[in-house]
């Protein structure tokens, strides 16, 4: 009997050893913290996207401004050239030459009245 008792005792000991205690591993980060972290990440990416959109808009507006400034400077040069032509074409000597030469008009000093402002 002693052998049978030893076998029973040995079986009981092995059964106790094989039985494991299942411990539930708790995560260090709670669900609320995970949600807050995810929300902050989404907000951060949204703000980065908004900033990139604003920088792109500013860049395109600056490019348009520089193009308009170039156009304005070209038009200013054209306007200066035209102003110079107006001054040259409205010279009194030139007008008198065209009137007497091409149009056949004559200048009578007795009929000319000088008006002063």
PDB file of N, CA and C in Angstrom:
ATOM      1  N   UNK A   1       0.754  -1.172   0.000  1.00  0.00           N
ATOM      2  CA  UNK A   1       0.000   0.000   0.000  1.00  0.00           C
ATOM      3  C   UNK A   1       0.819   1.272   0.000  1.00  0.00           C
ATOM      4  N   UNK A   2       1.914   1.107   0.483  1.00  0.00           N
ATOM      5  CA  UNK A   2       2.730   2.301   0.546  1.00  0.00           C
ATOM      6  C   UNK A   2       3.061   2.813  -0.852  1.00  0.00           C
ATOM      7  N   UNK A   3       3.170   1.912  -1.787  1.00  0.00           N
ATOM      8  CA  UNK A   3       3.443   2.334  -3.151  1.00  0.00           C
ATOM      9  C   UNK A   3       2.241   3.056  -3.746  1.00  0.00           C
ATOM     10  N   UNK A   4       1.084   2.555  -3.420  1.00  0.00           N
ATOM     11  CA  UNK A   4      -0.127   3.166  -3.929  1.00  0.00           C
ATOM     12  C   UNK A   4      -0.276   4.558  -3.320  1.00  0.00           C
ATOM     13  N   UNK A   5       0.032   4.689  -2.067  1.00  0.00           N
ATOM     14  CA  UNK A   5      -0.066   5.993  -1.408  1.00  0.00           C
ATOM     15  C   UNK A   5       0.924   6.967  -2.009  1.00  0.00           C
ATOM     16  N   UNK A   6       2.099   6.462  -2.320  1.00  0.00           N
ATOM     17  CA  UNK A   6       3.100   7.334  -2.927  1.00  0.00           C
ATOM     18  C   UNK A   6       2.647   7.783  -4.315  1.00  0.00           C
ATOM     19  N   UNK A   7       2.059   6.892  -5.054  1.00  0.00           N
ATOM     20  CA  UNK A   7       1.591   7.251  -6.387  1.00  0.00           C
ATOM     21  C   UNK A   7       0.470   8.285  -6.309  1.00  0.00           C
ATOM     22  N   UNK A   8      -0.428   8.117  -5.371  1.00  0.00           N
ATOM     23  CA  UNK A   8      -1.515   9.073  -5.204  1.00  0.00           C
ATOM     24  C   UNK A   8      -0.951  10.414  -4.773  1.00  0.00           C
ATOM     25  N   UNK A   9      -0.024  10.337  -3.824  1.00  0.00           N
ATOM     26  CA  UNK A   9       0.579  11.579  -3.342  1.00  0.00           C
ATOM     27  C   UNK A   9       1.347  12.263  -4.476  1.00  0.00           C
ATOM     28  N   UNK A  10       2.042  11.504  -5.290  1.00  0.00           N
ATOM     29  CA  UNK A  10       2.814  12.046  -6.397  1.00  0.00           C
ATOM     30  C   UNK A  10       1.871  12.657  -7.437  1.00  0.00           C
ATOM     31  N   UNK A  11       0.742  12.012  -7.713  1.00  0.00           N
ATOM     32  CA  UNK A  11      -0.227  12.538  -8.656  1.00  0.00           C
ATOM     33  C   UNK A  11      -0.840  13.839  -8.143  1.00  0.00           C
ATOM     34  N   UNK A  12      -1.108  13.902  -6.836  1.00  0.00           N
ATOM     35  CA  UNK A  12      -1.677  15.119  -6.278  1.00  0.00           C
ATOM     36  C   UNK A  12      -0.677  16.268  -6.375  1.00  0.00           C
ATOM     37  N   UNK A  13       0.582  15.976  -6.155  1.00  0.00           N
ATOM     38  CA  UNK A  13       1.590  17.027  -6.232  1.00  0.00           C
ATOM     39  C   UNK A  13       1.752  17.523  -7.671  1.00  0.00           C
ATOM     40  N   UNK A  14       1.734  16.618  -8.605  1.00  0.00           N
ATOM     41  CA  UNK A  14       1.880  17.052  -9.993  1.00  0.00           C
ATOM     42  C   UNK A  14       0.665  17.836 -10.460  1.00  0.00           C
ATOM     43  N   UNK A  15      -0.499  17.475  -9.970  1.00  0.00           N
ATOM     44  CA  UNK A  15      -1.694  18.219 -10.342  1.00  0.00           C
ATOM     45  C   UNK A  15      -1.624  19.644  -9.812  1.00  0.00           C
ATOM     46  N   UNK A  16      -1.133  19.794  -8.632  1.00  0.00           N
ATOM     47  CA  UNK A  16      -1.023  21.126  -8.053  1.00  0.00           C
ATOM     48  C   UNK A  16       0.002  21.943  -8.827  1.00  0.00           C
ATOM     49  N   UNK A  17       1.058  21.340  -9.244  1.00  0.00           N
ATOM     50  CA  UNK A  17       2.103  22.056  -9.968  1.00  0.00           C
ATOM     51  C   UNK A  17       1.643  22.464 -11.366  1.00  0.00           C
ATOM     52  N   UNK A  18       0.854  21.650 -11.997  1.00  0.00           N
ATOM     53  CA  UNK A  18       0.428  21.973 -13.353  1.00  0.00           C
ATOM     54  C   UNK A  18      -0.664  23.033 -13.388  1.00  0.00           C
ATOM     55  N   UNK A  19      -1.335  23.231 -12.313  1.00  0.00           N
ATOM     56  CA  UNK A  19      -2.396  24.230 -12.267  1.00  0.00           C
ATOM     57  C   UNK A  19      -1.755  25.616 -12.164  1.00  0.00           C
ATOM     58  N   UNK A  20      -2.007  26.435 -13.174  1.00  0.00           N
ATOM     59  CA  UNK A  20      -1.419  27.772 -13.188  1.00  0.00           C
ATOM     60  C   UNK A  20      -2.474  28.790 -12.811  1.00  0.00           C
ATOM     61  N   UNK A  21      -2.012  29.809 -12.170  1.00  0.00           N
ATOM     62  CA  UNK A  21      -2.894  30.907 -11.814  1.00  0.00           C
ATOM     63  C   UNK A  21      -2.882  31.880 -12.995  1.00  0.00           C
ATOM     64  N   UNK A  22      -4.041  32.132 -13.546  1.00  0.00           N
ATOM     65  CA  UNK A  22      -4.162  33.042 -14.681  1.00  0.00           C
ATOM     66  C   UNK A  22      -4.284  34.450 -14.125  1.00  0.00           C
ATOM     67  N   UNK A  23      -3.268  35.234 -14.419  1.00  0.00           N
ATOM     68  CA  UNK A  23      -3.281  36.627 -13.973  1.00  0.00           C
ATOM     69  C   UNK A  23      -3.641  37.502 -15.168  1.00  0.00           C
ATOM     70  N   UNK A  24      -4.535  38.351 -14.898  1.00  0.00           N
ATOM     71  CA  UNK A  24      -4.953  39.265 -15.959  1.00  0.00           C
ATOM     72  C   UNK A  24      -3.965  40.425 -16.004  1.00  0.00           C
ATOM     73  N   UNK A  25      -3.381  40.630 -17.181  1.00  0.00           N
ATOM     74  CA  UNK A  25      -2.397  41.704 -17.341  1.00  0.00           C
ATOM     75  C   UNK A  25      -3.137  42.988 -17.686  1.00  0.00           C
ATOM     76  N   UNK A  26      -3.028  43.939 -16.822  1.00  0.00           N
ATOM     77  CA  UNK A  26      -3.685  45.224 -17.059  1.00  0.00           C
ATOM     78  C   UNK A  26      -2.728  46.121 -17.824  1.00  0.00           C
ATOM     79  N   UNK A  27      -3.273  46.762 -18.835  1.00  0.00           N
ATOM     80  CA  UNK A  27      -2.430  47.660 -19.615  1.00  0.00           C
ATOM     81  C   UNK A  27      -2.145  48.920 -18.800  1.00  0.00           C
ATOM     82  N   UNK A  28      -1.034  49.510 -19.088  1.00  0.00           N
ATOM     83  CA  UNK A  28      -0.624  50.695 -18.336  1.00  0.00           C
ATOM     84  C   UNK A  28      -1.385  51.932 -18.794  1.00  0.00           C
ATOM     85  N   UNK A  29      -1.908  51.892 -20.014  1.00  0.00           N
ATOM     86  CA  UNK A  29      -2.640  53.035 -20.554  1.00  0.00           C
ATOM     87  C   UNK A  29      -4.123  52.681 -20.556  1.00  0.00           C
ATOM     88  N   UNK A  30      -4.902  53.527 -19.944  1.00  0.00           N
ATOM     89  CA  UNK A  30      -6.339  53.257 -19.860  1.00  0.00           C
ATOM     90  C   UNK A  30      -7.025  53.625 -21.173  1.00  0.00           C
ATOM     91  N   UNK A  31      -8.256  53.213 -21.303  1.00  0.00           N
ATOM     92  CA  UNK A  31      -9.028  53.489 -22.515  1.00  0.00           C
ATOM     93  C   UNK A  31      -9.229  54.995 -22.700  1.00  0.00           C
ATOM     94  N   UNK A  32      -9.508  55.706 -21.625  1.00  0.00           N
ATOM     95  CA  UNK A  32      -9.688  57.160 -21.712  1.00  0.00           C
ATOM     96  C   UNK A  32      -8.427  57.852 -22.196  1.00  0.00           C
ATOM     97  N   UNK A  33      -7.275  57.390 -21.694  1.00  0.00           N
ATOM     98  CA  UNK A  33      -6.015  57.986 -22.131  1.00  0.00           C
ATOM     99  C   UNK A  33      -5.757  57.688 -23.605  1.00  0.00           C
ATOM    100  N   UNK A  34      -6.127  56.498 -24.046  1.00  0.00           N
ATOM    101  CA  UNK A  34      -5.960  56.160 -25.459  1.00  0.00           C
ATOM    102  C   UNK A  34      -6.832  57.056 -26.333  1.00  0.00           C
ATOM    103  N   UNK A  35      -8.070  57.298 -25.910  1.00  0.00           N
ATOM    104  CA  UNK A  35      -8.980  58.156 -26.682  1.00  0.00           C
ATOM    105  C   UNK A  35      -8.454  59.586 -26.717  1.00  0.00           C
ATOM    106  N   UNK A  36      -7.970  60.069 -25.578  1.00  0.00           N
ATOM    107  CA  UNK A  36      -7.415  61.428 -25.532  1.00  0.00           C
ATOM    108  C   UNK A  36      -6.196  61.528 -26.444  1.00  0.00           C
ATOM    109  N   UNK A  37      -5.328  60.531 -26.399  1.00  0.00           N
ATOM    110  CA  UNK A  37      -4.141  60.535 -27.256  1.00  0.00           C
ATOM    111  C   UNK A  37      -4.497  60.504 -28.730  1.00  0.00           C
ATOM    112  N   UNK A  38      -5.472  59.675 -29.085  1.00  0.00           N
ATOM    113  CA  UNK A  38      -5.910  59.601 -30.476  1.00  0.00           C
ATOM    114  C   UNK A  38      -6.529  60.923 -30.923  1.00  0.00           C
ATOM    115  N   UNK A  39      -7.335  61.523 -30.054  1.00  0.00           N
ATOM    116  CA  UNK A  39      -7.956  62.810 -30.380  1.00  0.00           C
ATOM    117  C   UNK A  39      -6.895  63.888 -30.574  1.00  0.00           C
ATOM    118  N   UNK A  40      -5.907  63.919 -29.693  1.00  0.00           N
ATOM    119  CA  UNK A  40      -4.845  64.920 -29.817  1.00  0.00           C
ATOM    120  C   UNK A  40      -4.048  64.708 -31.102  1.00  0.00           C
ATOM    121  N   UNK A  41      -3.817  63.457 -31.468  1.00  0.00           N
ATOM    122  CA  UNK A  41      -3.090  63.173 -32.702  1.00  0.00           C
ATOM    123  C   UNK A  41      -3.881  63.640 -33.919  1.00  0.00           C
ATOM    124  N   UNK A  42      -5.171  63.361 -33.926  1.00  0.00           N
ATOM    125  CA  UNK A  42      -6.017  63.789 -35.050  1.00  0.00           C
ATOM    126  C   UNK A  42      -6.052  65.312 -35.135  1.00  0.00           C
ATOM    127  N   UNK A  43      -6.191  65.983 -33.998  1.00  0.00           N
ATOM    128  CA  UNK A  43      -6.218  67.452 -33.986  1.00  0.00           C
ATOM    129  C   UNK A  43      -4.877  68.007 -34.467  1.00  0.00           C
ATOM    130  N   UNK A  44      -3.773  67.389 -34.037  1.00  0.00           N
ATOM    131  CA  UNK A  44      -2.452  67.861 -34.463  1.00  0.00           C
ATOM    132  C   UNK A  44      -2.299  67.727 -35.976  1.00  0.00           C
ATOM    133  N   UNK A  45      -2.709  66.591 -36.534  1.00  0.00           N
ATOM    134  CA  UNK A  45      -2.606  66.423 -37.982  1.00  0.00           C
ATOM    135  C   UNK A  45      -3.530  67.385 -38.721  1.00  0.00           C
ATOM    136  N   UNK A  46      -4.696  67.652 -38.169  1.00  0.00           N
ATOM    137  CA  UNK A  46      -5.607  68.607 -38.801  1.00  0.00           C
ATOM    138  C   UNK A  46      -4.992  70.008 -38.802  1.00  0.00           C
ATOM    139  N   UNK A  47      -4.369  70.385 -37.705  1.00  0.00           N
ATOM    140  CA  UNK A  47      -3.742  71.710 -37.635  1.00  0.00           C
ATOM    141  C   UNK A  47      -2.558  71.795 -38.591  1.00  0.00           C
ATOM    142  N   UNK A  48      -1.785  70.721 -38.700  1.00  0.00           N
ATOM    143  CA  UNK A  48      -0.668  70.719 -39.643  1.00  0.00           C
ATOM    144  C   UNK A  48      -1.194  70.860 -41.070  1.00  0.00           C
ATOM    145  N   UNK A  49      -2.267  70.154 -41.380  1.00  0.00           N
ATOM    146  CA  UNK A  49      -2.867  70.279 -42.712  1.00  0.00           C
ATOM    147  C   UNK A  49      -3.369  71.685 -42.977  1.00  0.00           C
ATOM    148  N   UNK A  50      -3.987  72.291 -41.974  1.00  0.00           N
ATOM    149  CA  UNK A  50      -4.476  73.661 -42.119  1.00  0.00           C
ATOM    150  C   UNK A  50      -3.320  74.633 -42.339  1.00  0.00           C
ATOM    151  N   UNK A  51      -2.238  74.439 -41.596  1.00  0.00           N
ATOM    152  CA  UNK A  51      -1.076  75.314 -41.766  1.00  0.00           C
ATOM    153  C   UNK A  51      -0.484  75.166 -43.167  1.00  0.00           C
ATOM    154  N   UNK A  52      -0.375  73.935 -43.647  1.00  0.00           N
ATOM    155  CA  UNK A  52       0.158  73.730 -44.993  1.00  0.00           C
ATOM    156  C   UNK A  52      -0.744  74.367 -46.047  1.00  0.00           C
ATOM    157  N   UNK A  53      -2.047  74.256 -45.855  1.00  0.00           N
ATOM    158  CA  UNK A  53      -2.986  74.889 -46.787  1.00  0.00           C
ATOM    159  C   UNK A  53      -2.805  76.406 -46.781  1.00  0.00           C
ATOM    160  N   UNK A  54      -2.655  76.989 -45.589  1.00  0.00           N
ATOM    161  CA  UNK A  54      -2.466  78.440 -45.496  1.00  0.00           C
ATOM    162  C   UNK A  54      -1.158  78.866 -46.152  1.00  0.00           C
ATOM    163  N   UNK A  55      -0.076  78.110 -45.925  1.00  0.00           N
ATOM    164  CA  UNK A  55       1.197  78.455 -46.555  1.00  0.00           C
ATOM    165  C   UNK A  55       1.102  78.361 -48.075  1.00  0.00           C
ATOM    166  N   UNK A  56       0.392  77.362 -48.572  1.00  0.00           N
ATOM    167  CA  UNK A  56       0.226  77.234 -50.021  1.00  0.00           C
ATOM    168  C   UNK A  56      -0.579  78.410 -50.570  1.00  0.00           C
ATOM    169  N   UNK A  57      -1.615  78.823 -49.859  1.00  0.00           N
ATOM    170  CA  UNK A  57      -2.421  79.966 -50.297  1.00  0.00           C
ATOM    171  C   UNK A  57      -1.594  81.246 -50.295  1.00  0.00           C
ATOM    172  N   UNK A  58      -0.809  81.436 -49.256  1.00  0.00           N
ATOM    173  CA  UNK A  58       0.045  82.628 -49.176  1.00  0.00           C
ATOM    174  C   UNK A  58       1.052  82.631 -50.315  1.00  0.00           C
ATOM    175  N   UNK A  59       1.617  81.465 -50.612  1.00  0.00           N
ATOM    176  CA  UNK A  59       2.599  81.371 -51.692  1.00  0.00           C
ATOM    177  C   UNK A  59       1.970  81.753 -53.031  1.00  0.00           C
ATOM    178  N   UNK A  60       0.783  81.223 -53.310  1.00  0.00           N
ATOM    179  CA  UNK A  60       0.143  81.545 -54.589  1.00  0.00           C
ATOM    180  C   UNK A  60      -0.235  83.021 -54.662  1.00  0.00           C
ATOM    181  N   UNK A  61      -0.690  83.582 -53.548  1.00  0.00           N
ATOM    182  CA  UNK A  61      -1.032  85.009 -53.550  1.00  0.00           C
ATOM    183  C   UNK A  61       0.209  85.867 -53.761  1.00  0.00           C
ATOM    184  N   UNK A  62       1.328  85.506 -53.122  1.00  0.00           N
ATOM    185  CA  UNK A  62       2.567  86.258 -53.323  1.00  0.00           C
ATOM    186  C   UNK A  62       3.031  86.166 -54.770  1.00  0.00           C
ATOM    187  N   UNK A  63       2.879  84.986 -55.366  1.00  0.00           N
ATOM    188  CA  UNK A  63       3.257  84.819 -56.768  1.00  0.00           C
ATOM    189  C   UNK A  63       2.393  85.707 -57.651  1.00  0.00           C
ATOM    190  N   UNK A  64       1.101  85.752 -57.378  1.00  0.00           N
ATOM    191  CA  UNK A  64       0.200  86.614 -58.151  1.00  0.00           C
ATOM    192  C   UNK A  64       0.549  88.087 -57.975  1.00  0.00           C
ATOM    193  N   UNK A  65       0.899  88.480 -56.756  1.00  0.00           N
ATOM    194  CA  UNK A  65       1.275  89.877 -56.492  1.00  0.00           C
ATOM    195  C   UNK A  65       2.518  90.247 -57.286  1.00  0.00           C
ATOM    196  N   UNK A  66       3.512  89.357 -57.311  1.00  0.00           N
ATOM    197  CA  UNK A  66       4.732  89.656 -58.064  1.00  0.00           C
ATOM    198  C   UNK A  66       4.446  89.748 -59.565  1.00  0.00           C
ATOM    199  N   UNK A  67       3.572  88.894 -60.067  1.00  0.00           N
ATOM    200  CA  UNK A  67       3.217  88.977 -61.482  1.00  0.00           C
ATOM    201  C   UNK A  67       2.501  90.292 -61.781  1.00  0.00           C
ATOM    202  N   UNK A  68       1.608  90.696 -60.898  1.00  0.00           N
ATOM    203  CA  UNK A  68       0.897  91.960 -61.103  1.00  0.00           C
ATOM    204  C   UNK A  68       1.844  93.148 -61.010  1.00  0.00           C
ATOM    205  N   UNK A  69       2.820  93.087 -60.111  1.00  0.00           N
ATOM    206  CA  UNK A  69       3.788  94.174 -60.018  1.00  0.00           C
ATOM    207  C   UNK A  69       4.601  94.281 -61.305  1.00  0.00           C
ATOM    208  N   UNK A  70       4.964  93.138 -61.882  1.00  0.00           N
ATOM    209  CA  UNK A  70       5.672  93.160 -63.163  1.00  0.00           C
ATOM    210  C   UNK A  70       4.813  93.761 -64.259  1.00  0.00           C
ATOM    211  N   UNK A  71       3.545  93.389 -64.288  1.00  0.00           N
ATOM    212  CA  UNK A  71       2.620  93.943 -65.282  1.00  0.00           C
ATOM    213  C   UNK A  71       2.449  95.443 -65.087  1.00  0.00           C
ATOM    214  N   UNK A  72       2.356  95.873 -63.838  1.00  0.00           N
ATOM    215  CA  UNK A  72       2.200  97.306 -63.541  1.00  0.00           C
ATOM    216  C   UNK A  72       3.430  98.081 -63.989  1.00  0.00           C
ATOM    217  N   UNK A  73       4.620  97.535 -63.742  1.00  0.00           N
ATOM    218  CA  UNK A  73       5.833  98.253 -64.150  1.00  0.00           C
ATOM    219  C   UNK A  73       5.920  98.343 -65.676  1.00  0.00           C
ATOM    220  N   UNK A  74       5.527  97.277 -66.377  1.00  0.00           N
ATOM    221  CA  UNK A  74       5.528  97.336 -67.844  1.00  0.00           C
ATOM    222  C   UNK A  74       4.524  98.371 -68.348  1.00  0.00           C
ATOM    223  N   UNK A  75       3.355  98.398 -67.757  1.00  0.00           N
ATOM    224  CA  UNK A  75       2.337  99.364 -68.175  1.00  0.00           C
ATOM    225  C   UNK A  75       2.775 100.788 -67.845  1.00  0.00           C
ATOM    226  N   UNK A  76       3.478 100.971 -66.740  1.00  0.00           N
ATOM    227  CA  UNK A  76       3.990 102.307 -66.394  1.00  0.00           C
ATOM    228  C   UNK A  76       4.986 102.784 -67.441  1.00  0.00           C
ATOM    229  N   UNK A  77       5.838 101.880 -67.922  1.00  0.00           N
ATOM    230  CA  UNK A  77       6.789 102.260 -68.966  1.00  0.00           C
ATOM    231  C   UNK A  77       6.056 102.639 -70.253  1.00  0.00           C
ATOM    232  N   UNK A  78       5.024 101.876 -70.595  1.00  0.00           N
ATOM    233  CA  UNK A  78       4.229 102.200 -71.788  1.00  0.00           C
ATOM    234  C   UNK A  78       3.571 103.564 -71.614  1.00  0.00           C
ATOM    235  N   UNK A  79       3.023 103.829 -70.426  1.00  0.00           N
ATOM    236  CA  UNK A  79       2.368 105.118 -70.162  1.00  0.00           C
ATOM    237  C   UNK A  79       3.358 106.276 -70.253  1.00  0.00           C
ATOM    238  N   UNK A  80       4.575 106.081 -69.745  1.00  0.00           N
ATOM    239  CA  UNK A  80       5.584 107.141 -69.832  1.00  0.00           C
ATOM    240  C   UNK A  80       5.931 107.425 -71.292  1.00  0.00           C
ATOM    241  N   UNK A  81       6.057 106.358 -72.079  1.00  0.00           N
ATOM    242  CA  UNK A  81       6.344 106.553 -73.512  1.00  0.00           C
ATOM    243  C   UNK A  81       5.226 107.306 -74.205  1.00  0.00           C
ATOM    244  N   UNK A  82       3.987 106.961 -73.880  1.00  0.00           N
ATOM    245  CA  UNK A  82       2.850 107.653 -74.490  1.00  0.00           C
ATOM    246  C   UNK A  82       2.773 109.106 -74.029  1.00  0.00           C
ATOM    247  N   UNK A  83       3.087 109.373 -72.780  1.00  0.00           N
ATOM    248  CA  UNK A  83       3.100 110.765 -72.292  1.00  0.00           C
ATOM    249  C   UNK A  83       4.144 111.580 -73.033  1.00  0.00           C
ATOM    250  N   UNK A  84       5.291 110.970 -73.287  1.00  0.00           N
ATOM    251  CA  UNK A  84       6.336 111.662 -74.036  1.00  0.00           C
ATOM    252  C   UNK A  84       5.870 111.942 -75.464  1.00  0.00           C
ATOM    253  N   UNK A  85       5.162 111.002 -76.069  1.00  0.00           N
ATOM    254  CA  UNK A  85       4.625 111.229 -77.416  1.00  0.00           C
ATOM    255  C   UNK A  85       3.592 112.350 -77.414  1.00  0.00           C
ATOM    256  N   UNK A  86       2.758 112.410 -76.384  1.00  0.00           N
ATOM    257  CA  UNK A  86       1.757 113.478 -76.291  1.00  0.00           C
ATOM    258  C   UNK A  86       2.448 114.828 -76.210  1.00  0.00           C
ATOM    259  N   UNK A  87       3.508 114.918 -75.413  1.00  0.00           N
ATOM    260  CA  UNK A  87       4.233 116.188 -75.287  1.00  0.00           C
ATOM    261  C   UNK A  87       4.849 116.573 -76.622  1.00  0.00           C
ATOM    262  N   UNK A  88       5.444 115.602 -77.320  1.00  0.00           N
ATOM    263  CA  UNK A  88       6.075 115.902 -78.607  1.00  0.00           C
ATOM    264  C   UNK A  88       5.038 116.305 -79.656  1.00  0.00           C
ATOM    265  N   UNK A  89       3.910 115.598 -79.674  1.00  0.00           N
ATOM    266  CA  UNK A  89       2.909 115.880 -80.702  1.00  0.00           C
ATOM    267  C   UNK A  89       2.106 117.144 -80.419  1.00  0.00           C
ATOM    268  N   UNK A  90       2.059 117.600 -79.198  1.00  0.00           N
ATOM    269  CA  UNK A  90       1.284 118.803 -78.894  1.00  0.00           C
ATOM    270  C   UNK A  90       2.149 120.063 -78.829  1.00  0.00           C
ATOM    271  N   UNK A  91       3.333 120.006 -79.384  1.00  0.00           N
ATOM    272  CA  UNK A  91       4.191 121.204 -79.417  1.00  0.00           C
ATOM    273  C   UNK A  91       3.566 122.240 -80.364  1.00  0.00           C
ATOM    274  N   UNK A  92       3.503 123.516 -79.952  1.00  0.00           N
ATOM    275  CA  UNK A  92       2.857 124.553 -80.786  1.00  0.00           C
ATOM    276  C   UNK A  92       3.519 124.728 -82.151  1.00  0.00           C
ATOM    277  N   UNK A  93       4.832 124.609 -82.245  1.00  0.00           N
ATOM    278  CA  UNK A  93       5.521 124.762 -83.534  1.00  0.00           C
ATOM    279  C   UNK A  93       5.101 123.661 -84.506  1.00  0.00           C
ATOM    280  N   UNK A  94       4.981 122.449 -84.023  1.00  0.00           N
ATOM    281  CA  UNK A  94       4.571 121.321 -84.873  1.00  0.00           C
ATOM    282  C   UNK A  94       3.139 121.528 -85.373  1.00  0.00           C
ATOM    283  N   UNK A  95       2.258 121.966 -84.480  1.00  0.00           N
ATOM    284  CA  UNK A  95       0.862 122.210 -84.860  1.00  0.00           C
ATOM    285  C   UNK A  95       0.785 123.315 -85.918  1.00  0.00           C
ATOM    286  N   UNK A  96       1.566 124.363 -85.751  1.00  0.00           N
ATOM    287  CA  UNK A  96       1.583 125.468 -86.720  1.00  0.00           C
ATOM    288  C   UNK A  96       2.105 125.003 -88.070  1.00  0.00           C
ATOM    289  N   UNK A  97       3.169 124.183 -88.067  1.00  0.00           N
ATOM    290  CA  UNK A  97       3.718 123.670 -89.330  1.00  0.00           C
ATOM    291  C   UNK A  97       2.702 122.805 -90.066  1.00  0.00           C
ATOM    292  N   UNK A  98       2.000 121.932 -89.346  1.00  0.00           N
ATOM    293  CA  UNK A  98       1.005 121.072 -89.990  1.00  0.00           C
ATOM    294  C   UNK A  98      -0.161 121.919 -90.515  1.00  0.00           C
ATOM    295  N   UNK A  99      -0.589 122.907 -89.733  1.00  0.00           N
ATOM    296  CA  UNK A  99      -1.726 123.745 -90.153  1.00  0.00           C
ATOM    297  C   UNK A  99      -1.390 124.546 -91.404  1.00  0.00           C
ATOM    298  N   UNK A 100      -0.205 125.135 -91.472  1.00  0.00           N
ATOM    299  CA  UNK A 100       0.147 125.952 -92.640  1.00  0.00           C
ATOM    300  C   UNK A 100       0.587 125.096 -93.815  1.00  0.00           C
ATOM    301  N   UNK A 101       1.311 124.024 -93.568  1.00  0.00           N
ATOM    302  CA  UNK A 101       1.861 123.217 -94.662  1.00  0.00           C
ATOM    303  C   UNK A 101       0.860 122.243 -95.244  1.00  0.00           C
ATOM    304  N   UNK A 102       0.304 121.375 -94.451  1.00  0.00           N
ATOM    305  CA  UNK A 102      -0.547 120.299 -94.958  1.00  0.00           C
ATOM    306  C   UNK A 102      -1.999 120.737 -95.147  1.00  0.00           C
ATOM    307  N   UNK A 103      -2.487 121.585 -94.257  1.00  0.00           N
ATOM    308  CA  UNK A 103      -3.896 121.955 -94.309  1.00  0.00           C
ATOM    309  C   UNK A 103      -4.155 123.255 -95.075  1.00  0.00           C
ATOM    310  N   UNK A 104      -3.086 123.993 -95.400  1.00  0.00           N
ATOM    311  CA  UNK A 104      -3.230 125.208 -96.196  1.00  0.00           C
ATOM    312  C   UNK A 104      -3.807 126.380 -95.428  1.00  0.00           C
ATOM    313  N   UNK A 105      -3.693 126.414 -94.165  1.00  0.00           N
ATOM    314  CA  UNK A 105      -4.205 127.528 -93.371  1.00  0.00           C
ATOM    315  C   UNK A 105      -3.147 128.626 -93.330  1.00  0.00           C
ATOM    316  N   UNK A 106      -3.606 129.849 -93.157  1.00  0.00           N
ATOM    317  CA  UNK A 106      -2.662 130.966 -93.062  1.00  0.00           C
ATOM    318  C   UNK A 106      -2.835 131.651 -91.715  1.00  0.00           C
ATOM    319  N   UNK A 107      -1.766 132.234 -91.255  1.00  0.00           N
ATOM    320  CA  UNK A 107      -1.778 132.893 -89.956  1.00  0.00           C
ATOM    321  C   UNK A 107      -1.832 134.400 -90.184  1.00  0.00           C
ATOM    322  N   UNK A 108      -2.914 135.033 -89.755  1.00  0.00           N
ATOM    323  CA  UNK A 108      -3.071 136.478 -89.855  1.00  0.00           C
ATOM    324  C   UNK A 108      -2.930 137.035 -88.447  1.00  0.00           C
ATOM    325  N   UNK A 109      -1.858 137.799 -88.219  1.00  0.00           N
ATOM    326  CA  UNK A 109      -1.574 138.301 -86.874  1.00  0.00           C
ATOM    327  C   UNK A 109      -2.622 139.299 -86.392  1.00  0.00           C
ATOM    328  N   UNK A 110      -3.323 139.970 -87.308  1.00  0.00           N
ATOM    329  CA  UNK A 110      -4.341 140.937 -86.898  1.00  0.00           C
ATOM    330  C   UNK A 110      -5.565 140.261 -86.291  1.00  0.00           C
ATOM    331  N   UNK A 111      -5.833 139.025 -86.707  1.00  0.00           N
ATOM    332  CA  UNK A 111      -7.010 138.323 -86.213  1.00  0.00           C
ATOM    333  C   UNK A 111      -6.723 137.454 -84.984  1.00  0.00           C
ATOM    334  N   UNK A 112      -5.477 137.370 -84.594  1.00  0.00           N
ATOM    335  CA  UNK A 112      -5.111 136.519 -83.453  1.00  0.00           C
ATOM    336  C   UNK A 112      -5.317 137.306 -82.179  1.00  0.00           C
ATOM    337  N   UNK A 113      -6.067 136.731 -81.269  1.00  0.00           N
ATOM    338  CA  UNK A 113      -6.275 137.357 -79.969  1.00  0.00           C
ATOM    339  C   UNK A 113      -5.564 136.516 -78.917  1.00  0.00           C
ATOM    340  N   UNK A 114      -4.845 137.149 -78.054  1.00  0.00           N
ATOM    341  CA  UNK A 114      -4.118 136.448 -76.991  1.00  0.00           C
ATOM    342  C   UNK A 114      -4.996 136.433 -75.755  1.00  0.00           C
ATOM    343  N   UNK A 115      -5.226 135.271 -75.268  1.00  0.00           N
ATOM    344  CA  UNK A 115      -6.043 135.108 -74.070  1.00  0.00           C
ATOM    345  C   UNK A 115      -5.112 134.687 -72.949  1.00  0.00           C
ATOM    346  N   UNK A 116      -5.176 135.371 -71.843  1.00  0.00           N
ATOM    347  CA  UNK A 116      -4.333 135.018 -70.702  1.00  0.00           C
ATOM    348  C   UNK A 116      -5.210 134.648 -69.529  1.00  0.00           C
ATOM    349  N   UNK A 117      -4.798 133.682 -68.831  1.00  0.00           N
ATOM    350  CA  UNK A 117      -5.561 133.220 -67.664  1.00  0.00           C
ATOM    351  C   UNK A 117      -5.143 133.946 -66.423  1.00  0.00           C
TER     352      UNK A 117
END
